[in-house]
C-alpha atoms as a PDB file:
ATOM      1  CA  MET A   1      19.578  56.999 -37.761  1.00  0.00           C
ATOM      2  CA  SER A   2      21.528  54.251 -36.180  1.00  0.00           C
ATOM      3  CA  ASP A   3      21.562  50.657 -37.279  1.00  0.00           C
ATOM      4  CA  GLN A   4      19.266  48.354 -35.338  1.00  0.00           C
ATOM      5  CA  SER A   5      21.844  45.566 -35.565  1.00  0.00           C
ATOM      6  CA  ASP A   6      24.129  46.910 -32.846  1.00  0.00           C
ATOM      7  CA  THR A   7      24.098  44.805 -29.711  1.00  0.00           C
ATOM      8  CA  PRO A   8      24.512  45.607 -26.009  1.00  0.00           C
ATOM      9  CA  GLY A   9      28.164  46.456 -25.568  1.00  0.00           C
ATOM     10  CA  GLY A  10      28.476  47.828 -29.099  1.00  0.00           C
ATOM     11  CA  GLY A  11      29.195  51.418 -30.058  1.00  0.00           C
ATOM     12  CA  MET A  12      25.632  52.559 -30.683  1.00  0.00           C
ATOM     13  CA  PHE A  13      24.345  50.782 -27.588  1.00  0.00           C
ATOM     14  CA  SER A  14      27.039  52.521 -25.552  1.00  0.00           C
ATOM     15  CA  ARG A  15      25.797  55.872 -26.846  1.00  0.00           C
ATOM     16  CA  LEU A  16      22.234  54.956 -25.915  1.00  0.00           C
ATOM     17  CA  LYS A  17      23.330  53.913 -22.440  1.00  0.00           C
ATOM     18  CA  ALA A  18      25.273  57.148 -22.028  1.00  0.00           C
ATOM     19  CA  GLY A  19      22.245  59.102 -23.227  1.00  0.00           C
ATOM     20  CA  LEU A  20      20.044  57.505 -20.549  1.00  0.00           C
ATOM     21  CA  ALA A  21      22.598  58.050 -17.781  1.00  0.00           C
ATOM     22  CA  LYS A  22      20.631  60.783 -15.999  1.00  0.00           C
ATOM     23  CA  THR A  23      17.485  58.681 -15.800  1.00  0.00           C
ATOM     24  CA  ARG A  24      19.454  55.634 -14.691  1.00  0.00           C
ATOM     25  CA  GLU A  25      21.228  57.658 -11.994  1.00  0.00           C
ATOM     26  CA  LEU A  26      17.900  59.002 -10.692  1.00  0.00           C
ATOM     27  CA  LEU A  27      16.467  55.502 -10.465  1.00  0.00           C
ATOM     28  CA  PHE A  28      19.426  53.978  -8.668  1.00  0.00           C
ATOM     29  CA  MET A  29      20.164  56.984  -6.458  1.00  0.00           C
ATOM     30  CA  ASN A  30      16.711  56.583  -4.950  1.00  0.00           C
ATOM     31  CA  VAL A  31      17.045  52.848  -4.352  1.00  0.00           C
ATOM     32  CA  GLY A  32      19.813  52.438  -1.818  1.00  0.00           C
ATOM     33  CA  ALA A  33      20.242  48.683  -2.172  1.00  0.00           C
ATOM     34  CA  ILE A  34      20.646  48.915  -5.942  1.00  0.00           C
ATOM     35  CA  ALA A  35      23.004  51.875  -5.725  1.00  0.00           C
ATOM     36  CA  GLY A  36      25.165  49.958  -3.259  1.00  0.00           C
ATOM     37  CA  GLY A  37      25.529  46.921  -5.496  1.00  0.00           C
ATOM     38  CA  ILE A  38      24.147  43.416  -5.056  1.00  0.00           C
ATOM     39  CA  GLY A  39      22.017  43.120  -1.950  1.00  0.00           C
ATOM     40  CA  PRO A  40      18.851  41.474  -0.689  1.00  0.00           C
ATOM     41  CA  VAL A  41      15.409  42.552  -1.848  1.00  0.00           C
ATOM     42  CA  ASP A  42      12.868  43.554   0.790  1.00  0.00           C
ATOM     43  CA  GLY A  43       9.762  45.685   1.164  1.00  0.00           C
ATOM     44  CA  VAL A  44      11.795  48.858   1.669  1.00  0.00           C
ATOM     45  CA  VAL A  45      13.704  48.326  -1.578  1.00  0.00           C
ATOM     46  CA  LEU A  46      10.466  47.818  -3.483  1.00  0.00           C
ATOM     47  CA  ASP A  47       8.901  50.930  -1.946  1.00  0.00           C
ATOM     48  CA  GLN A  48      11.974  52.941  -2.909  1.00  0.00           C
ATOM     49  CA  LEU A  49      11.837  51.550  -6.424  1.00  0.00           C
ATOM     50  CA  GLU A  50       8.202  52.565  -6.869  1.00  0.00           C
ATOM     51  CA  GLU A  51       8.994  56.113  -5.778  1.00  0.00           C
ATOM     52  CA  ALA A  52      12.012  56.264  -8.100  1.00  0.00           C
ATOM     53  CA  LEU A  53       9.980  55.076 -11.088  1.00  0.00           C
ATOM     54  CA  ILE A  54       7.363  57.762 -10.455  1.00  0.00           C
ATOM     55  CA  LEU A  55      10.072  60.432 -10.155  1.00  0.00           C
ATOM     56  CA  ALA A  56      11.447  59.301 -13.521  1.00  0.00           C
ATOM     57  CA  ASP A  57       8.008  59.948 -15.085  1.00  0.00           C
ATOM     58  CA  VAL A  58       7.123  56.325 -15.659  1.00  0.00           C
ATOM     59  CA  GLY A  59       3.679  57.261 -14.321  1.00  0.00           C
ATOM     60  CA  ALA A  60       1.998  56.274 -11.055  1.00  0.00           C
ATOM     61  CA  GLU A  61      -0.252  53.578 -12.507  1.00  0.00           C
ATOM     62  CA  LEU A  62       2.455  51.741 -14.424  1.00  0.00           C
ATOM     63  CA  SER A  63       4.960  52.114 -11.570  1.00  0.00           C
ATOM     64  CA  GLN A  64       2.451  50.508  -9.204  1.00  0.00           C
ATOM     65  CA  GLU A  65       1.828  47.685 -11.663  1.00  0.00           C
ATOM     66  CA  TYR A  66       5.543  46.968 -12.015  1.00  0.00           C
ATOM     67  CA  VAL A  67       6.222  47.015  -8.290  1.00  0.00           C
ATOM     68  CA  GLY A  68       3.087  44.977  -7.549  1.00  0.00           C
ATOM     69  CA  ALA A  69       4.321  42.245  -9.897  1.00  0.00           C
ATOM     70  CA  LEU A  70       7.840  42.451  -8.449  1.00  0.00           C
ATOM     71  CA  ARG A  71       6.485  42.243  -4.905  1.00  0.00           C
ATOM     72  CA  ALA A  72       4.547  39.091  -5.802  1.00  0.00           C
ATOM     73  CA  ALA A  73       7.678  37.560  -7.359  1.00  0.00           C
ATOM     74  CA  TRP A  74       9.722  38.462  -4.262  1.00  0.00           C
ATOM     75  CA  ARG A  75       7.189  36.770  -1.999  1.00  0.00           C
ATOM     76  CA  ARG A  76       7.460  33.654  -4.150  1.00  0.00           C
ATOM     77  CA  GLY A  77      11.211  33.672  -3.593  1.00  0.00           C
ATOM     78  CA  GLU A  78      12.031  34.525  -7.208  1.00  0.00           C
ATOM     79  CA  LEU A  79      14.036  37.687  -6.449  1.00  0.00           C
ATOM     80  CA  PRO A  80      16.875  36.716  -4.113  1.00  0.00           C
ATOM     81  CA  ASP A  81      18.898  39.876  -4.737  1.00  0.00           C
ATOM     82  CA  THR A  82      18.853  43.232  -6.516  1.00  0.00           C
ATOM     83  CA  ASP A  83      20.519  41.773  -9.615  1.00  0.00           C
ATOM     84  CA  ALA A  84      17.530  39.471 -10.060  1.00  0.00           C
ATOM     85  CA  LEU A  85      15.227  42.430  -9.403  1.00  0.00           C
ATOM     86  CA  ARG A  86      16.867  44.509 -12.112  1.00  0.00           C
ATOM     87  CA  ALA A  87      16.766  41.624 -14.587  1.00  0.00           C
ATOM     88  CA  ARG A  88      13.038  41.070 -13.961  1.00  0.00           C
ATOM     89  CA  LEU A  89      12.296  44.806 -14.257  1.00  0.00           C
ATOM     90  CA  ARG A  90      14.316  44.957 -17.475  1.00  0.00           C
ATOM     91  CA  ARG A  91      12.163  42.206 -19.003  1.00  0.00           C
ATOM     92  CA  MET A  92       8.954  43.909 -17.861  1.00  0.00           C
ATOM     93  CA  VAL A  93       9.965  47.218 -19.434  1.00  0.00           C
ATOM     94  CA  ALA A  94      10.948  45.527 -22.699  1.00  0.00           C
ATOM     95  CA  ASP A  95       7.604  43.683 -22.767  1.00  0.00           C
ATOM     96  CA  THR A  96       5.718  46.958 -22.212  1.00  0.00           C
ATOM     97  CA  LEU A  97       7.526  48.712 -25.038  1.00  0.00           C
ATOM     98  CA  ALA A  98       7.760  45.873 -27.565  1.00  0.00           C
ATOM     99  CA  PRO A  99       4.308  46.453 -29.128  1.00  0.00           C
ATOM    100  CA  ARG A 100       5.304  50.071 -29.883  1.00  0.00           C
ATOM    101  CA  MET A 101       8.564  49.091 -31.585  1.00  0.00           C
ATOM    102  CA  ILE A 102       7.388  49.534 -35.166  1.00  0.00           C
ATOM    103  CA  PRO A 103       9.999  51.122 -37.443  1.00  0.00           C
ATOM    104  CA  LEU A 104       8.963  53.611 -40.087  1.00  0.00           C
ATOM    105  CA  LYS A 105       8.672  51.861 -43.448  1.00  0.00           C
ATOM    106  CA  VAL A 106       8.964  53.959 -46.600  1.00  0.00           C
ATOM    107  CA  VAL A 107       6.946  52.180 -49.271  1.00  0.00           C
ATOM    108  CA  PRO A 108       5.687  53.021 -52.777  1.00  0.00           C
ATOM    109  CA  PRO A 109       3.859  54.648 -54.405  1.00  0.00           C
ATOM    110  CA  TYR A 110       6.268  57.552 -54.209  1.00  0.00           C
ATOM    111  CA  PRO A 111       6.651  60.208 -53.042  1.00  0.00           C
ATOM    112  CA  PHE A 112       6.137  59.003 -49.483  1.00  0.00           C
ATOM    113  CA  VAL A 113       5.198  62.114 -47.506  1.00  0.00           C
ATOM    114  CA  ILE A 114       6.180  62.555 -43.853  1.00  0.00           C
ATOM    115  CA  LEU A 115       4.668  65.528 -42.034  1.00  0.00           C
ATOM    116  CA  VAL A 116       6.668  66.462 -38.938  1.00  0.00           C
ATOM    117  CA  VAL A 117       4.788  68.279 -36.171  1.00  0.00           C
ATOM    118  CA  GLY A 118       5.340  69.388 -32.588  1.00  0.00           C
ATOM    119  CA  VAL A 119       5.403  72.381 -30.273  1.00  0.00           C
ATOM    120  CA  ASN A 120       8.129  75.027 -30.208  1.00  0.00           C
ATOM    121  CA  GLY A 121      11.630  73.932 -29.300  1.00  0.00           C
ATOM    122  CA  VAL A 122      11.241  70.151 -29.392  1.00  0.00           C
ATOM    123  CA  GLY A 123      13.780  69.702 -32.194  1.00  0.00           C
ATOM    124  CA  LYS A 124      11.593  69.154 -35.263  1.00  0.00           C
ATOM    125  CA  THR A 125      13.995  70.679 -37.786  1.00  0.00           C
ATOM    126  CA  THR A 126      16.972  68.807 -36.366  1.00  0.00           C
ATOM    127  CA  THR A 127      14.991  65.564 -36.312  1.00  0.00           C
ATOM    128  CA  ILE A 128      14.052  66.074 -39.974  1.00  0.00           C
ATOM    129  CA  GLY A 129      17.698  66.566 -40.845  1.00  0.00           C
ATOM    130  CA  LYS A 130      18.697  63.390 -39.034  1.00  0.00           C
ATOM    131  CA  VAL A 131      15.899  61.334 -40.602  1.00  0.00           C
ATOM    132  CA  ALA A 132      16.867  62.691 -44.019  1.00  0.00           C
ATOM    133  CA  SER A 133      20.486  61.658 -43.433  1.00  0.00           C
ATOM    134  CA  GLY A 134      19.375  58.153 -42.538  1.00  0.00           C
ATOM    135  CA  LEU A 135      17.137  57.859 -45.593  1.00  0.00           C
ATOM    136  CA  ARG A 136      19.894  59.093 -47.885  1.00  0.00           C
ATOM    137  CA  ALA A 137      22.247  56.509 -46.378  1.00  0.00           C
ATOM    138  CA  GLU A 138      19.673  53.878 -47.410  1.00  0.00           C
ATOM    139  CA  GLY A 139      19.836  55.165 -50.980  1.00  0.00           C
ATOM    140  CA  ARG A 140      16.551  57.079 -50.939  1.00  0.00           C
ATOM    141  CA  THR A 141      16.105  60.400 -52.684  1.00  0.00           C
ATOM    142  CA  VAL A 142      14.755  63.014 -50.288  1.00  0.00           C
ATOM    143  CA  LEU A 143      13.171  66.449 -50.583  1.00  0.00           C
ATOM    144  CA  LEU A 144      12.747  68.731 -47.575  1.00  0.00           C
ATOM    145  CA  ALA A 145       9.865  71.217 -47.410  1.00  0.00           C
ATOM    146  CA  ALA A 146      10.708  74.312 -45.344  1.00  0.00           C
ATOM    147  CA  ALA A 147       7.128  74.958 -44.265  1.00  0.00           C
ATOM    148  CA  ASP A 148       8.177  76.537 -40.958  1.00  0.00           C
ATOM    149  CA  THR A 149       7.953  79.998 -42.499  1.00  0.00           C
ATOM    150  CA  PHE A 150       7.452  81.808 -39.197  1.00  0.00           C
ATOM    151  CA  ARG A 151      11.090  81.508 -38.195  1.00  0.00           C
ATOM    152  CA  ALA A 152      13.767  82.526 -40.698  1.00  0.00           C
ATOM    153  CA  ALA A 153      16.368  80.561 -38.748  1.00  0.00           C
ATOM    154  CA  ALA A 154      14.350  77.376 -39.292  1.00  0.00           C
ATOM    155  CA  ILE A 155      14.513  77.785 -43.077  1.00  0.00           C
ATOM    156  CA  GLU A 156      18.266  78.329 -42.971  1.00  0.00           C
ATOM    157  CA  GLN A 157      18.757  75.463 -40.540  1.00  0.00           C
ATOM    158  CA  LEU A 158      16.832  73.110 -42.784  1.00  0.00           C
ATOM    159  CA  ALA A 159      18.877  74.252 -45.784  1.00  0.00           C
ATOM    160  CA  VAL A 160      22.060  73.326 -43.909  1.00  0.00           C
ATOM    161  CA  TRP A 161      20.671  69.866 -43.133  1.00  0.00           C
ATOM    162  CA  ALA A 162      19.613  69.431 -46.768  1.00  0.00           C
ATOM    163  CA  SER A 163      23.164  70.179 -47.860  1.00  0.00           C
ATOM    164  CA  LEU A 164      24.674  67.812 -45.292  1.00  0.00           C
ATOM    165  CA  ALA A 165      22.282  64.997 -46.176  1.00  0.00           C
ATOM    166  CA  GLY A 166      22.426  65.479 -49.940  1.00  0.00           C
ATOM    167  CA  ALA A 167      18.699  66.225 -50.088  1.00  0.00           C
ATOM    168  CA  ASP A 168      16.737  68.715 -52.191  1.00  0.00           C
ATOM    169  CA  ILE A 169      14.821  71.540 -50.531  1.00  0.00           C
ATOM    170  CA  VAL A 170      11.807  73.666 -51.418  1.00  0.00           C
ATOM    171  CA  ARG A 171      11.697  76.964 -49.577  1.00  0.00           C
ATOM    172  CA  HIS A 172       9.755  80.224 -49.734  1.00  0.00           C
ATOM    173  CA  LYS A 173      10.374  83.553 -48.045  1.00  0.00           C
ATOM    174  CA  GLU A 174       9.881  84.027 -44.315  1.00  0.00           C
ATOM    175  CA  GLY A 175       6.200  84.612 -43.576  1.00  0.00           C
ATOM    176  CA  ALA A 176       4.940  82.735 -46.639  1.00  0.00           C
ATOM    177  CA  ASP A 177       1.913  80.452 -46.466  1.00  0.00           C
ATOM    178  CA  SER A 178       3.174  77.169 -45.033  1.00  0.00           C
ATOM    179  CA  SER A 179       0.569  75.138 -46.924  1.00  0.00           C
ATOM    180  CA  ALA A 180       1.806  76.685 -50.195  1.00  0.00           C
ATOM    181  CA  VAL A 181       5.340  75.498 -49.391  1.00  0.00           C
ATOM    182  CA  ALA A 182       4.065  72.006 -48.677  1.00  0.00           C
ATOM    183  CA  PHE A 183       2.056  71.980 -51.908  1.00  0.00           C
ATOM    184  CA  ASP A 184       5.027  73.108 -54.018  1.00  0.00           C
ATOM    185  CA  ALA A 185       7.283  70.544 -52.360  1.00  0.00           C
ATOM    186  CA  VAL A 186       4.925  67.644 -52.977  1.00  0.00           C
ATOM    187  CA  ARG A 187       4.343  68.686 -56.587  1.00  0.00           C
ATOM    188  CA  ALA A 188       8.121  69.027 -57.161  1.00  0.00           C
ATOM    189  CA  ALA A 189       8.728  65.591 -55.651  1.00  0.00           C
ATOM    190  CA  LYS A 190       6.142  64.055 -57.979  1.00  0.00           C
ATOM    191  CA  ALA A 191       7.789  65.676 -60.999  1.00  0.00           C
ATOM    192  CA  ARG A 192      11.285  64.556 -59.978  1.00  0.00           C
ATOM    193  CA  GLY A 193      10.366  61.021 -58.933  1.00  0.00           C
ATOM    194  CA  THR A 194      11.616  61.656 -55.386  1.00  0.00           C
ATOM    195  CA  HIS A 195      11.167  58.847 -52.870  1.00  0.00           C
ATOM    196  CA  VAL A 196      10.467  60.833 -49.696  1.00  0.00           C
ATOM    197  CA  VAL A 197       9.207  64.311 -48.796  1.00  0.00           C
ATOM    198  CA  LEU A 198       9.842  65.526 -45.237  1.00  0.00           C
ATOM    199  CA  VAL A 199       7.671  68.524 -44.376  1.00  0.00           C
ATOM    200  CA  ASP A 200       8.841  70.810 -41.580  1.00  0.00           C
ATOM    201  CA  THR A 201       6.167  72.831 -39.761  1.00  0.00           C
ATOM    202  CA  ALA A 202       6.195  75.788 -37.401  1.00  0.00           C
ATOM    203  CA  GLY A 203       6.091  75.009 -33.705  1.00  0.00           C
ATOM    204  CA  ARG A 204       2.513  75.045 -32.479  1.00  0.00           C
ATOM    205  CA  LEU A 205       1.424  75.600 -28.925  1.00  0.00           C
ATOM    206  CA  HIS A 206      -0.899  72.674 -28.361  1.00  0.00           C
ATOM    207  CA  THR A 207      -3.181  74.962 -26.332  1.00  0.00           C
ATOM    208  CA  LYS A 208      -3.775  77.359 -29.262  1.00  0.00           C
ATOM    209  CA  SER A 209      -6.477  75.894 -31.494  1.00  0.00           C
ATOM    210  CA  HIS A 210      -6.176  78.531 -34.247  1.00  0.00           C
ATOM    211  CA  LEU A 211      -2.492  77.646 -34.718  1.00  0.00           C
ATOM    212  CA  MET A 212      -3.345  73.959 -34.774  1.00  0.00           C
ATOM    213  CA  GLU A 213      -5.900  74.648 -37.507  1.00  0.00           C
ATOM    214  CA  GLU A 214      -3.074  75.906 -39.747  1.00  0.00           C
ATOM    215  CA  VAL A 215      -1.357  72.535 -39.478  1.00  0.00           C
ATOM    216  CA  ARG A 216      -4.639  70.866 -40.326  1.00  0.00           C
ATOM    217  CA  LYS A 217      -4.727  73.013 -43.482  1.00  0.00           C
ATOM    218  CA  VAL A 218      -1.282  71.716 -44.470  1.00  0.00           C
ATOM    219  CA  VAL A 219      -2.607  68.163 -44.092  1.00  0.00           C
ATOM    220  CA  ARG A 220      -5.576  68.942 -46.340  1.00  0.00           C
ATOM    221  CA  VAL A 221      -3.427  70.574 -49.043  1.00  0.00           C
ATOM    222  CA  ILE A 222      -1.016  67.627 -49.143  1.00  0.00           C
ATOM    223  CA  GLY A 223      -3.933  65.190 -49.330  1.00  0.00           C
ATOM    224  CA  LYS A 224      -5.486  66.988 -52.285  1.00  0.00           C
ATOM    225  CA  GLU A 225      -2.264  66.710 -54.282  1.00  0.00           C
ATOM    226  CA  ILE A 226      -1.565  63.097 -53.255  1.00  0.00           C
ATOM    227  CA  PRO A 227      -4.616  61.156 -52.041  1.00  0.00           C
ATOM    228  CA  GLY A 228      -3.774  59.323 -48.827  1.00  0.00           C
ATOM    229  CA  ALA A 229      -0.888  61.635 -47.944  1.00  0.00           C
ATOM    230  CA  PRO A 230       0.685  62.487 -45.630  1.00  0.00           C
ATOM    231  CA  HIS A 231       1.555  58.848 -45.195  1.00  0.00           C
ATOM    232  CA  GLU A 232       3.187  59.526 -41.828  1.00  0.00           C
ATOM    233  CA  VAL A 233       2.484  62.236 -39.262  1.00  0.00           C
ATOM    234  CA  LEU A 234       5.561  62.144 -37.063  1.00  0.00           C
ATOM    235  CA  LEU A 235       5.117  63.940 -33.746  1.00  0.00           C
ATOM    236  CA  VAL A 236       8.350  65.113 -32.133  1.00  0.00           C
ATOM    237  CA  LEU A 237       8.259  65.241 -28.327  1.00  0.00           C
ATOM    238  CA  ASP A 238      10.917  66.682 -26.032  1.00  0.00           C
ATOM    239  CA  ALA A 239      11.593  64.120 -23.306  1.00  0.00           C
ATOM    240  CA  THR A 240      12.729  66.876 -20.944  1.00  0.00           C
ATOM    241  CA  SER A 241       9.123  68.107 -20.803  1.00  0.00           C
ATOM    242  CA  GLY A 242       8.134  64.935 -18.939  1.00  0.00           C
ATOM    243  CA  ARG A 243       4.447  64.140 -18.776  1.00  0.00           C
ATOM    244  CA  ASN A 244       3.549  67.441 -20.443  1.00  0.00           C
ATOM    245  CA  ALA A 245       4.560  65.619 -23.630  1.00  0.00           C
ATOM    246  CA  ILE A 246       1.476  63.432 -23.229  1.00  0.00           C
ATOM    247  CA  ALA A 247      -0.858  66.457 -23.237  1.00  0.00           C
ATOM    248  CA  GLN A 248       0.859  67.694 -26.393  1.00  0.00           C
ATOM    249  CA  ALA A 249       0.486  64.319 -28.074  1.00  0.00           C
ATOM    250  CA  LYS A 250      -3.225  64.083 -27.282  1.00  0.00           C
ATOM    251  CA  THR A 251      -3.882  67.491 -28.865  1.00  0.00           C
ATOM    252  CA  PHE A 252      -1.963  66.644 -32.033  1.00  0.00           C
ATOM    253  CA  GLU A 253      -3.817  63.325 -32.228  1.00  0.00           C
ATOM    254  CA  GLU A 254      -7.046  65.301 -32.298  1.00  0.00           C
ATOM    255  CA  PHE A 255      -6.013  67.906 -34.884  1.00  0.00           C
ATOM    256  CA  THR A 256      -3.688  66.118 -37.307  1.00  0.00           C
ATOM    257  CA  GLY A 257      -3.676  62.482 -36.318  1.00  0.00           C
ATOM    258  CA  VAL A 258      -0.370  60.986 -35.208  1.00  0.00           C
ATOM    259  CA  THR A 259       1.067  57.829 -36.767  1.00  0.00           C
ATOM    260  CA  GLY A 260       4.521  57.862 -35.157  1.00  0.00           C
ATOM    261  CA  LEU A 261       6.518  59.439 -32.333  1.00  0.00           C
ATOM    262  CA  ALA A 262      10.079  60.702 -32.055  1.00  0.00           C
ATOM    263  CA  LEU A 263      11.258  61.364 -28.502  1.00  0.00           C
ATOM    264  CA  THR A 264      14.221  63.741 -28.440  1.00  0.00           C
ATOM    265  CA  LYS A 265      16.704  65.003 -25.829  1.00  0.00           C
ATOM    266  CA  LEU A 266      16.641  61.857 -23.709  1.00  0.00           C
ATOM    267  CA  ASP A 267      20.270  62.599 -22.911  1.00  0.00           C
ATOM    268  CA  GLY A 268      19.279  65.876 -21.254  1.00  0.00           C
ATOM    269  CA  THR A 269      16.766  64.578 -18.729  1.00  0.00           C
ATOM    270  CA  ALA A 270      16.340  62.287 -15.737  1.00  0.00           C
ATOM    271  CA  LYS A 271      12.732  61.809 -16.849  1.00  0.00           C
ATOM    272  CA  GLY A 272      13.381  59.121 -19.467  1.00  0.00           C
ATOM    273  CA  GLY A 273      10.535  57.109 -17.989  1.00  0.00           C
ATOM    274  CA  VAL A 274       8.247  59.280 -20.112  1.00  0.00           C
ATOM    275  CA  VAL A 275       8.942  56.810 -22.922  1.00  0.00           C
ATOM    276  CA  LEU A 276       6.966  54.270 -20.902  1.00  0.00           C
ATOM    277  CA  SER A 277       4.160  56.577 -19.805  1.00  0.00           C
ATOM    278  CA  VAL A 278       3.628  57.762 -23.387  1.00  0.00           C
ATOM    279  CA  THR A 279       2.887  54.194 -24.465  1.00  0.00           C
ATOM    280  CA  ARG A 280       0.119  53.993 -21.867  1.00  0.00           C
ATOM    281  CA  GLU A 281      -1.795  56.965 -23.237  1.00  0.00           C
ATOM    282  CA  ILE A 282      -0.809  57.382 -26.900  1.00  0.00           C
ATOM    283  CA  ALA A 283      -1.565  54.705 -29.482  1.00  0.00           C
ATOM    284  CA  ALA A 284       1.129  55.646 -32.021  1.00  0.00           C
ATOM    285  CA  PRO A 285       4.339  53.621 -32.175  1.00  0.00           C
ATOM    286  CA  ILE A 286       7.693  55.088 -31.175  1.00  0.00           C
ATOM    287  CA  ARG A 287       9.684  55.442 -34.397  1.00  0.00           C
ATOM    288  CA  TYR A 288      12.805  57.178 -33.068  1.00  0.00           C
ATOM    289  CA  ILE A 289      14.556  58.261 -29.900  1.00  0.00           C
ATOM    290  CA  GLY A 290      17.217  60.948 -29.742  1.00  0.00           C
ATOM    291  CA  VAL A 291      20.144  60.761 -27.326  1.00  0.00           C
ATOM    292  CA  GLY A 292      22.515  63.428 -28.662  1.00  0.00           C
ATOM    293  CA  GLU A 293      23.227  66.128 -31.210  1.00  0.00           C
ATOM    294  CA  LYS A 294      24.852  64.086 -33.977  1.00  0.00           C
ATOM    295  CA  ALA A 295      22.937  62.579 -36.883  1.00  0.00           C
ATOM    296  CA  GLY A 296      23.741  59.089 -35.591  1.00  0.00           C
ATOM    297  CA  ASP A 297      22.261  59.907 -32.187  1.00  0.00           C
ATOM    298  CA  LEU A 298      18.733  59.611 -33.572  1.00  0.00           C
ATOM    299  CA  ARG A 299      18.089  55.912 -33.579  1.00  0.00           C
ATOM    300  CA  SER A 300      15.205  53.691 -34.534  1.00  0.00           C
ATOM    301  CA  PHE A 301      13.523  52.633 -31.325  1.00  0.00           C
ATOM    302  CA  ASP A 302      14.379  49.206 -29.940  1.00  0.00           C
ATOM    303  CA  ALA A 303      12.514  48.088 -26.806  1.00  0.00           C
ATOM    304  CA  ARG A 304      15.123  45.570 -25.640  1.00  0.00           C
ATOM    305  CA  ASP A 305      18.031  47.960 -26.066  1.00  0.00           C
ATOM    306  CA  PHE A 306      16.141  50.710 -24.250  1.00  0.00           C
ATOM    307  CA  ALA A 307      15.410  48.422 -21.289  1.00  0.00           C
ATOM    308  CA  GLU A 308      18.994  47.143 -21.207  1.00  0.00           C
ATOM    309  CA  ALA A 309      20.373  50.694 -21.272  1.00  0.00           C
ATOM    310  CA  LEU A 310      17.990  51.902 -18.577  1.00  0.00           C
ATOM    311  CA  PHE A 311      18.613  49.132 -16.070  1.00  0.00           C
END
């Protein structure tokens, strides 16, 4: 996880800006006056901007709200050129996202248990590895639970991340009961005095209720061993899936509860506006965003930096 202290122009901010390049290009490509540099603002520019925001998966309702407010400001003479327009939009986006900028806090009593959930292919195992690396860099002791027992590659992948991060791992054979893995991991962490347990889970199709019930069982087993756990249910969403991510999030909210979000693969999509639309429909804060493959490319979410990088 990257340090929140980096500022616009710094190394980590540059990586965030590079990661959002596709979304930024989509926005500006569809607004001729902005793409061409500083120019006057008019009704055509604002119409183009609204369309571009919708294409970037900001969502129709929020896009209309933004452009309605910008249109009112333009009529008052407050937006003389596209630079002023971008600056105003940047502030609006930061204001929208600021209430969801709540970093994950690992607090005693230990172990602090983080259950990581999501559908197939969103990057759960990789996200766990990156979070573990960040926690180890903070001096925390970490144990990984390889409860994705349906995919042998997931167990091996998690073992590699455990080695890289300097974390312990509890693993069973492929096909084992995932709740048994979670139980053994939590019990081991209690015995060892470990600070954090990160529990990997198999990818669940949010449309398959019987698969979702298995995750619910993992939650129950963890809670029996440590009352109040899991302390965090971190839902990993693939930003390239656009607004489908919202449907996934709503289903996981129903079955497991969701206390935090990690949005991955923002560097691979022009639909980075999903970060905004998610906040409209999902109550959980955004803990992390991912803009690359390296451990440092998973960063704690910062609303101002995101807005600056996007516009």
